[in-house]
Each structure stands twice: as structure tokens, then as C-alpha cells.
């Protein structure tokens, strides 16, 4: 789920980053959006399901609704 060429950080470093950084606002005081949390969610899916995120999406989403030819492919540039 993670493109290793897009950053110098590992997936684990990105996951742990919110735990070591100071929040700009107190919890629920102000809306904050963070793309890295989508990476965290994908990693949680991969670890819990014991399958790659791409395979999970294909099996649990695409095939579950009858899409047999769709694929979830992340290109490595």
C-alpha cells in the first residue's frame, strides 16, 4: 500500500509519527485531515487480515459485489 519511493520514511516510522509529535490543537477542538492515516488504516487491514492490502480490497470489496475482472494495483515508479 505504500510507495517506498515517495518518502524517505518507512511505513512503521509514518505510523509511529503521530505518537511522538505534538498536536497543534487539543482533541476534537478543530478538524484536522491527515493522508497518513489512510496509510495507517491500510497497514492495519494488512496486519489483521494477514494479506496484502491490494488482495484484501480485491477479495472483500470487488469480488463481494461481483466484480471479477477489477484489480487493485499500486504502481512502483
PDB file of N, CA and C in Angstrom:
ATOM      1  N   UNK A   1       0.801  -1.189   0.000  1.00  0.00           N
ATOM      2  CA  UNK A   1       0.000   0.000   0.000  1.00  0.00           C
ATOM      3  C   UNK A   1       0.847   1.258   0.000  1.00  0.00           C
ATOM      4  N   UNK A   2       2.084   1.127   0.295  1.00  0.00           N
ATOM      5  CA  UNK A   2       2.944   2.289   0.424  1.00  0.00           C
ATOM      6  C   UNK A   2       3.950   2.322  -0.709  1.00  0.00           C
ATOM      7  N   UNK A   3       4.083   3.453  -1.365  1.00  0.00           N
ATOM      8  CA  UNK A   3       5.081   3.628  -2.411  1.00  0.00           C
ATOM      9  C   UNK A   3       6.389   4.026  -1.758  1.00  0.00           C
ATOM     10  N   UNK A   4       7.367   3.128  -1.711  1.00  0.00           N
ATOM     11  CA  UNK A   4       8.603   3.422  -0.989  1.00  0.00           C
ATOM     12  C   UNK A   4       9.413   4.555  -1.592  1.00  0.00           C
ATOM     13  N   UNK A   5       9.155   4.902  -2.837  1.00  0.00           N
ATOM     14  CA  UNK A   5       9.914   5.976  -3.463  1.00  0.00           C
ATOM     15  C   UNK A   5       9.349   7.361  -3.161  1.00  0.00           C
ATOM     16  N   UNK A   6       8.192   7.431  -2.501  1.00  0.00           N
ATOM     17  CA  UNK A   6       7.555   8.722  -2.277  1.00  0.00           C
ATOM     18  C   UNK A   6       8.068   9.436  -1.033  1.00  0.00           C
ATOM     19  N   UNK A   7       8.818   8.754  -0.187  1.00  0.00           N
ATOM     20  CA  UNK A   7       9.308   9.342   1.045  1.00  0.00           C
ATOM     21  C   UNK A   7      10.532   8.579   1.535  1.00  0.00           C
ATOM     22  N   UNK A   8      11.285   9.188   2.401  1.00  0.00           N
ATOM     23  CA  UNK A   8      12.431   8.507   2.995  1.00  0.00           C
ATOM     24  C   UNK A   8      12.032   7.748   4.255  1.00  0.00           C
ATOM     25  N   UNK A   9      10.777   7.872   4.682  1.00  0.00           N
ATOM     26  CA  UNK A   9      10.323   7.222   5.902  1.00  0.00           C
ATOM     27  C   UNK A   9       9.771   5.832   5.604  1.00  0.00           C
ATOM     28  N   UNK A  10       9.914   4.920   6.544  1.00  0.00           N
ATOM     29  CA  UNK A  10       9.311   3.603   6.417  1.00  0.00           C
ATOM     30  C   UNK A  10       7.859   3.685   6.862  1.00  0.00           C
ATOM     31  N   UNK A  11       7.090   2.643   6.539  1.00  0.00           N
ATOM     32  CA  UNK A  11       5.691   2.600   6.966  1.00  0.00           C
ATOM     33  C   UNK A  11       5.616   2.681   8.487  1.00  0.00           C
ATOM     34  N   UNK A  12       6.468   1.935   9.179  1.00  0.00           N
ATOM     35  CA  UNK A  12       6.454   1.953  10.647  1.00  0.00           C
ATOM     36  C   UNK A  12       6.777   3.333  11.204  1.00  0.00           C
ATOM     37  N   UNK A  13       7.698   4.050  10.580  1.00  0.00           N
ATOM     38  CA  UNK A  13       8.016   5.412  11.035  1.00  0.00           C
ATOM     39  C   UNK A  13       6.825   6.345  10.844  1.00  0.00           C
ATOM     40  N   UNK A  14       6.117   6.191   9.740  1.00  0.00           N
ATOM     41  CA  UNK A  14       4.941   7.028   9.490  1.00  0.00           C
ATOM     42  C   UNK A  14       3.842   6.706  10.495  1.00  0.00           C
ATOM     43  N   UNK A  15       3.665   5.412  10.803  1.00  0.00           N
ATOM     44  CA  UNK A  15       2.643   5.004  11.767  1.00  0.00           C
ATOM     45  C   UNK A  15       2.952   5.555  13.154  1.00  0.00           C
ATOM     46  N   UNK A  16       4.213   5.541  13.548  1.00  0.00           N
ATOM     47  CA  UNK A  16       4.588   5.997  14.889  1.00  0.00           C
ATOM     48  C   UNK A  16       4.691   7.513  15.004  1.00  0.00           C
ATOM     49  N   UNK A  17       4.772   8.222  13.916  1.00  0.00           N
ATOM     50  CA  UNK A  17       4.977   9.669  13.928  1.00  0.00           C
ATOM     51  C   UNK A  17       3.935  10.425  14.745  1.00  0.00           C
ATOM     52  N   UNK A  18       2.630  10.137  14.610  1.00  0.00           N
ATOM     53  CA  UNK A  18       1.665  10.895  15.433  1.00  0.00           C
ATOM     54  C   UNK A  18       1.873  10.709  16.935  1.00  0.00           C
ATOM     55  N   UNK A  19       2.403   9.570  17.329  1.00  0.00           N
ATOM     56  CA  UNK A  19       2.614   9.306  18.759  1.00  0.00           C
ATOM     57  C   UNK A  19       3.751  10.146  19.341  1.00  0.00           C
ATOM     58  N   UNK A  20       4.688  10.571  18.491  1.00  0.00           N
ATOM     59  CA  UNK A  20       5.835  11.327  19.007  1.00  0.00           C
ATOM     60  C   UNK A  20       5.785  12.808  18.665  1.00  0.00           C
ATOM     61  N   UNK A  21       4.805  13.221  17.868  1.00  0.00           N
ATOM     62  CA  UNK A  21       4.711  14.639  17.518  1.00  0.00           C
ATOM     63  C   UNK A  21       3.639  15.315  18.369  1.00  0.00           C
ATOM     64  N   UNK A  22       3.806  16.588  18.538  1.00  0.00           N
ATOM     65  CA  UNK A  22       2.856  17.346  19.351  1.00  0.00           C
ATOM     66  C   UNK A  22       1.700  17.825  18.487  1.00  0.00           C
ATOM     67  N   UNK A  23       0.485  17.637  18.961  1.00  0.00           N
ATOM     68  CA  UNK A  23      -0.699  18.066  18.218  1.00  0.00           C
ATOM     69  C   UNK A  23      -0.809  19.588  18.217  1.00  0.00           C
ATOM     70  N   UNK A  24      -1.303  20.132  17.099  1.00  0.00           N
ATOM     71  CA  UNK A  24      -1.491  21.579  17.002  1.00  0.00           C
ATOM     72  C   UNK A  24      -2.690  22.048  17.814  1.00  0.00           C
ATOM     73  N   UNK A  25      -3.669  21.167  17.950  1.00  0.00           N
ATOM     74  CA  UNK A  25      -4.890  21.505  18.677  1.00  0.00           C
ATOM     75  C   UNK A  25      -5.235  20.353  19.615  1.00  0.00           C
ATOM     76  N   UNK A  26      -6.004  20.645  20.638  1.00  0.00           N
ATOM     77  CA  UNK A  26      -6.447  19.576  21.524  1.00  0.00           C
ATOM     78  C   UNK A  26      -7.460  18.702  20.791  1.00  0.00           C
ATOM     79  N   UNK A  27      -7.639  17.484  21.268  1.00  0.00           N
ATOM     80  CA  UNK A  27      -8.513  16.514  20.633  1.00  0.00           C
ATOM     81  C   UNK A  27      -9.926  17.069  20.477  1.00  0.00           C
ATOM     82  N   UNK A  28     -10.464  16.984  19.288  1.00  0.00           N
ATOM     83  CA  UNK A  28     -11.810  17.438  18.907  1.00  0.00           C
ATOM     84  C   UNK A  28     -12.010  18.951  18.981  1.00  0.00           C
ATOM     85  N   UNK A  29     -10.965  19.714  19.184  1.00  0.00           N
ATOM     86  CA  UNK A  29     -11.120  21.163  19.215  1.00  0.00           C
ATOM     87  C   UNK A  29     -11.275  21.728  17.810  1.00  0.00           C
ATOM     88  N   UNK A  30     -10.547  21.147  16.862  1.00  0.00           N
ATOM     89  CA  UNK A  30     -10.575  21.634  15.497  1.00  0.00           C
ATOM     90  C   UNK A  30     -10.368  20.459  14.547  1.00  0.00           C
ATOM     91  N   UNK A  31     -11.009  20.513  13.378  1.00  0.00           N
ATOM     92  CA  UNK A  31     -10.868  19.464  12.385  1.00  0.00           C
ATOM     93  C   UNK A  31      -9.441  19.421  11.860  1.00  0.00           C
ATOM     94  N   UNK A  32      -8.910  18.221  11.711  1.00  0.00           N
ATOM     95  CA  UNK A  32      -7.578  18.041  11.143  1.00  0.00           C
ATOM     96  C   UNK A  32      -7.614  16.857  10.190  1.00  0.00           C
ATOM     97  N   UNK A  33      -7.088  17.027   9.000  1.00  0.00           N
ATOM     98  CA  UNK A  33      -7.070  15.970   7.987  1.00  0.00           C
ATOM     99  C   UNK A  33      -5.639  15.508   7.803  1.00  0.00           C
ATOM    100  N   UNK A  34      -5.465  14.202   7.649  1.00  0.00           N
ATOM    101  CA  UNK A  34      -4.115  13.668   7.503  1.00  0.00           C
ATOM    102  C   UNK A  34      -4.137  12.460   6.576  1.00  0.00           C
ATOM    103  N   UNK A  35      -3.517  12.555   5.414  1.00  0.00           N
ATOM    104  CA  UNK A  35      -3.451  11.434   4.474  1.00  0.00           C
ATOM    105  C   UNK A  35      -2.729  10.234   5.060  1.00  0.00           C
ATOM    106  N   UNK A  36      -1.799  10.457   5.959  1.00  0.00           N
ATOM    107  CA  UNK A  36      -1.046   9.347   6.535  1.00  0.00           C
ATOM    108  C   UNK A  36      -1.942   8.376   7.293  1.00  0.00           C
ATOM    109  N   UNK A  37      -3.073   8.845   7.769  1.00  0.00           N
ATOM    110  CA  UNK A  37      -3.971   7.946   8.489  1.00  0.00           C
ATOM    111  C   UNK A  37      -4.597   6.916   7.552  1.00  0.00           C
ATOM    112  N   UNK A  38      -4.697   7.221   6.258  1.00  0.00           N
ATOM    113  CA  UNK A  38      -5.145   6.219   5.298  1.00  0.00           C
ATOM    114  C   UNK A  38      -4.088   5.132   5.148  1.00  0.00           C
ATOM    115  N   UNK A  39      -2.828   5.515   5.185  1.00  0.00           N
ATOM    116  CA  UNK A  39      -1.745   4.534   5.163  1.00  0.00           C
ATOM    117  C   UNK A  39      -1.812   3.656   6.400  1.00  0.00           C
ATOM    118  N   UNK A  40      -2.065   4.257   7.545  1.00  0.00           N
ATOM    119  CA  UNK A  40      -2.205   3.504   8.794  1.00  0.00           C
ATOM    120  C   UNK A  40      -3.369   2.518   8.686  1.00  0.00           C
ATOM    121  N   UNK A  41      -4.497   2.969   8.168  1.00  0.00           N
ATOM    122  CA  UNK A  41      -5.659   2.089   8.025  1.00  0.00           C
ATOM    123  C   UNK A  41      -5.348   0.908   7.112  1.00  0.00           C
ATOM    124  N   UNK A  42      -4.660   1.154   6.027  1.00  0.00           N
ATOM    125  CA  UNK A  42      -4.264   0.080   5.115  1.00  0.00           C
ATOM    126  C   UNK A  42      -3.319  -0.904   5.771  1.00  0.00           C
ATOM    127  N   UNK A  43      -2.424  -0.406   6.579  1.00  0.00           N
ATOM    128  CA  UNK A  43      -1.482  -1.282   7.288  1.00  0.00           C
ATOM    129  C   UNK A  43      -2.199  -2.108   8.351  1.00  0.00           C
ATOM    130  N   UNK A  44      -3.170  -1.523   9.014  1.00  0.00           N
ATOM    131  CA  UNK A  44      -3.979  -2.279   9.992  1.00  0.00           C
ATOM    132  C   UNK A  44      -4.712  -3.414   9.280  1.00  0.00           C
ATOM    133  N   UNK A  45      -5.316  -3.121   8.128  1.00  0.00           N
ATOM    134  CA  UNK A  45      -6.009  -4.147   7.356  1.00  0.00           C
ATOM    135  C   UNK A  45      -5.048  -5.267   6.982  1.00  0.00           C
ATOM    136  N   UNK A  46      -3.862  -4.912   6.500  1.00  0.00           N
ATOM    137  CA  UNK A  46      -2.881  -5.919   6.093  1.00  0.00           C
ATOM    138  C   UNK A  46      -2.442  -6.791   7.267  1.00  0.00           C
ATOM    139  N   UNK A  47      -2.194  -6.192   8.399  1.00  0.00           N
ATOM    140  CA  UNK A  47      -1.716  -6.965   9.560  1.00  0.00           C
ATOM    141  C   UNK A  47      -2.805  -7.841  10.152  1.00  0.00           C
ATOM    142  N   UNK A  48      -4.028  -7.337  10.238  1.00  0.00           N
ATOM    143  CA  UNK A  48      -5.119  -8.112  10.833  1.00  0.00           C
ATOM    144  C   UNK A  48      -5.566  -9.238   9.897  1.00  0.00           C
ATOM    145  N   UNK A  49      -5.676  -8.943   8.609  1.00  0.00           N
ATOM    146  CA  UNK A  49      -6.172  -9.929   7.650  1.00  0.00           C
ATOM    147  C   UNK A  49      -5.091 -10.905   7.205  1.00  0.00           C
ATOM    148  N   UNK A  50      -3.822 -10.587   7.474  1.00  0.00           N
ATOM    149  CA  UNK A  50      -2.686 -11.419   7.059  1.00  0.00           C
ATOM    150  C   UNK A  50      -2.594 -11.544   5.536  1.00  0.00           C
ATOM    151  N   UNK A  51      -3.050 -10.502   4.841  1.00  0.00           N
ATOM    152  CA  UNK A  51      -2.904 -10.473   3.384  1.00  0.00           C
ATOM    153  C   UNK A  51      -2.556  -9.050   2.960  1.00  0.00           C
ATOM    154  N   UNK A  52      -1.983  -8.934   1.780  1.00  0.00           N
ATOM    155  CA  UNK A  52      -1.641  -7.597   1.282  1.00  0.00           C
ATOM    156  C   UNK A  52      -2.912  -6.766   1.162  1.00  0.00           C
ATOM    157  N   UNK A  53      -2.798  -5.467   1.341  1.00  0.00           N
ATOM    158  CA  UNK A  53      -3.939  -4.567   1.255  1.00  0.00           C
ATOM    159  C   UNK A  53      -4.631  -4.705  -0.100  1.00  0.00           C
ATOM    160  N   UNK A  54      -3.842  -4.791  -1.170  1.00  0.00           N
ATOM    161  CA  UNK A  54      -4.389  -4.911  -2.512  1.00  0.00           C
ATOM    162  C   UNK A  54      -5.245  -6.171  -2.641  1.00  0.00           C
ATOM    163  N   UNK A  55      -4.759  -7.296  -2.107  1.00  0.00           N
ATOM    164  CA  UNK A  55      -5.512  -8.546  -2.163  1.00  0.00           C
ATOM    165  C   UNK A  55      -6.793  -8.460  -1.332  1.00  0.00           C
ATOM    166  N   UNK A  56      -6.708  -7.807  -0.185  1.00  0.00           N
ATOM    167  CA  UNK A  56      -7.879  -7.637   0.675  1.00  0.00           C
ATOM    168  C   UNK A  56      -8.966  -6.856  -0.053  1.00  0.00           C
ATOM    169  N   UNK A  57      -8.589  -5.755  -0.684  1.00  0.00           N
ATOM    170  CA  UNK A  57      -9.558  -4.921  -1.401  1.00  0.00           C
ATOM    171  C   UNK A  57     -10.203  -5.714  -2.542  1.00  0.00           C
ATOM    172  N   UNK A  58      -9.384  -6.466  -3.279  1.00  0.00           N
ATOM    173  CA  UNK A  58      -9.931  -7.254  -4.381  1.00  0.00           C
ATOM    174  C   UNK A  58     -10.920  -8.306  -3.881  1.00  0.00           C
ATOM    175  N   UNK A  59     -10.564  -9.025  -2.838  1.00  0.00           N
ATOM    176  CA  UNK A  59     -11.415 -10.110  -2.338  1.00  0.00           C
ATOM    177  C   UNK A  59     -12.638  -9.606  -1.587  1.00  0.00           C
ATOM    178  N   UNK A  60     -12.429  -8.663  -0.672  1.00  0.00           N
ATOM    179  CA  UNK A  60     -13.523  -8.240   0.208  1.00  0.00           C
ATOM    180  C   UNK A  60     -14.409  -7.161  -0.401  1.00  0.00           C
ATOM    181  N   UNK A  61     -13.894  -6.402  -1.349  1.00  0.00           N
ATOM    182  CA  UNK A  61     -14.691  -5.330  -1.954  1.00  0.00           C
ATOM    183  C   UNK A  61     -15.139  -5.693  -3.363  1.00  0.00           C
ATOM    184  N   UNK A  62     -14.187  -5.917  -4.251  1.00  0.00           N
ATOM    185  CA  UNK A  62     -14.534  -6.142  -5.656  1.00  0.00           C
ATOM    186  C   UNK A  62     -15.310  -7.439  -5.858  1.00  0.00           C
ATOM    187  N   UNK A  63     -14.758  -8.550  -5.405  1.00  0.00           N
ATOM    188  CA  UNK A  63     -15.412  -9.843  -5.620  1.00  0.00           C
ATOM    189  C   UNK A  63     -16.715  -9.956  -4.837  1.00  0.00           C
ATOM    190  N   UNK A  64     -16.793  -9.293  -3.704  1.00  0.00           N
ATOM    191  CA  UNK A  64     -18.008  -9.355  -2.881  1.00  0.00           C
ATOM    192  C   UNK A  64     -19.218  -8.758  -3.593  1.00  0.00           C
ATOM    193  N   UNK A  65     -18.980  -7.822  -4.505  1.00  0.00           N
ATOM    194  CA  UNK A  65     -20.095  -7.207  -5.239  1.00  0.00           C
ATOM    195  C   UNK A  65     -20.160  -7.688  -6.690  1.00  0.00           C
ATOM    196  N   UNK A  66     -19.395  -8.746  -6.997  1.00  0.00           N
ATOM    197  CA  UNK A  66     -19.485  -9.356  -8.316  1.00  0.00           C
ATOM    198  C   UNK A  66     -18.512  -8.850  -9.356  1.00  0.00           C
ATOM    199  N   UNK A  67     -17.576  -8.007  -8.988  1.00  0.00           N
ATOM    200  CA  UNK A  67     -16.564  -7.537  -9.944  1.00  0.00           C
ATOM    201  C   UNK A  67     -15.462  -8.589 -10.016  1.00  0.00           C
ATOM    202  N   UNK A  68     -15.396  -9.305 -11.125  1.00  0.00           N
ATOM    203  CA  UNK A  68     -14.423 -10.391 -11.250  1.00  0.00           C
ATOM    204  C   UNK A  68     -13.136  -9.978 -11.962  1.00  0.00           C
ATOM    205  N   UNK A  69     -13.172  -8.929 -12.758  1.00  0.00           N
ATOM    206  CA  UNK A  69     -12.002  -8.553 -13.559  1.00  0.00           C
ATOM    207  C   UNK A  69     -11.265  -7.328 -13.033  1.00  0.00           C
ATOM    208  N   UNK A  70     -11.780  -6.673 -12.005  1.00  0.00           N
ATOM    209  CA  UNK A  70     -11.135  -5.483 -11.469  1.00  0.00           C
ATOM    210  C   UNK A  70      -9.945  -5.887 -10.617  1.00  0.00           C
ATOM    211  N   UNK A  71      -8.920  -5.055 -10.638  1.00  0.00           N
ATOM    212  CA  UNK A  71      -7.725  -5.301  -9.843  1.00  0.00           C
ATOM    213  C   UNK A  71      -7.323  -4.029  -9.110  1.00  0.00           C
ATOM    214  N   UNK A  72      -6.720  -4.206  -7.987  1.00  0.00           N
ATOM    215  CA  UNK A  72      -6.194  -3.100  -7.207  1.00  0.00           C
ATOM    216  C   UNK A  72      -4.682  -3.162  -7.331  1.00  0.00           C
ATOM    217  N   UNK A  73      -4.116  -2.276  -8.131  1.00  0.00           N
ATOM    218  CA  UNK A  73      -2.680  -2.328  -8.417  1.00  0.00           C
ATOM    219  C   UNK A  73      -2.062  -0.990  -8.047  1.00  0.00           C
ATOM    220  N   UNK A  74      -1.033  -1.050  -7.242  1.00  0.00           N
ATOM    221  CA  UNK A  74      -0.259   0.137  -6.923  1.00  0.00           C
ATOM    222  C   UNK A  74       1.026   0.087  -7.722  1.00  0.00           C
ATOM    223  N   UNK A  75       1.220   1.085  -8.557  1.00  0.00           N
ATOM    224  CA  UNK A  75       2.408   1.101  -9.413  1.00  0.00           C
ATOM    225  C   UNK A  75       3.628   1.545  -8.618  1.00  0.00           C
ATOM    226  N   UNK A  76       4.727   0.881  -8.857  1.00  0.00           N
ATOM    227  CA  UNK A  76       6.005   1.252  -8.255  1.00  0.00           C
ATOM    228  C   UNK A  76       6.796   1.997  -9.320  1.00  0.00           C
ATOM    229  N   UNK A  77       6.882   3.292  -9.196  1.00  0.00           N
ATOM    230  CA  UNK A  77       7.596   4.110 -10.197  1.00  0.00           C
ATOM    231  C   UNK A  77       9.051   4.227  -9.868  1.00  0.00           C
TER     232      UNK A  77
END
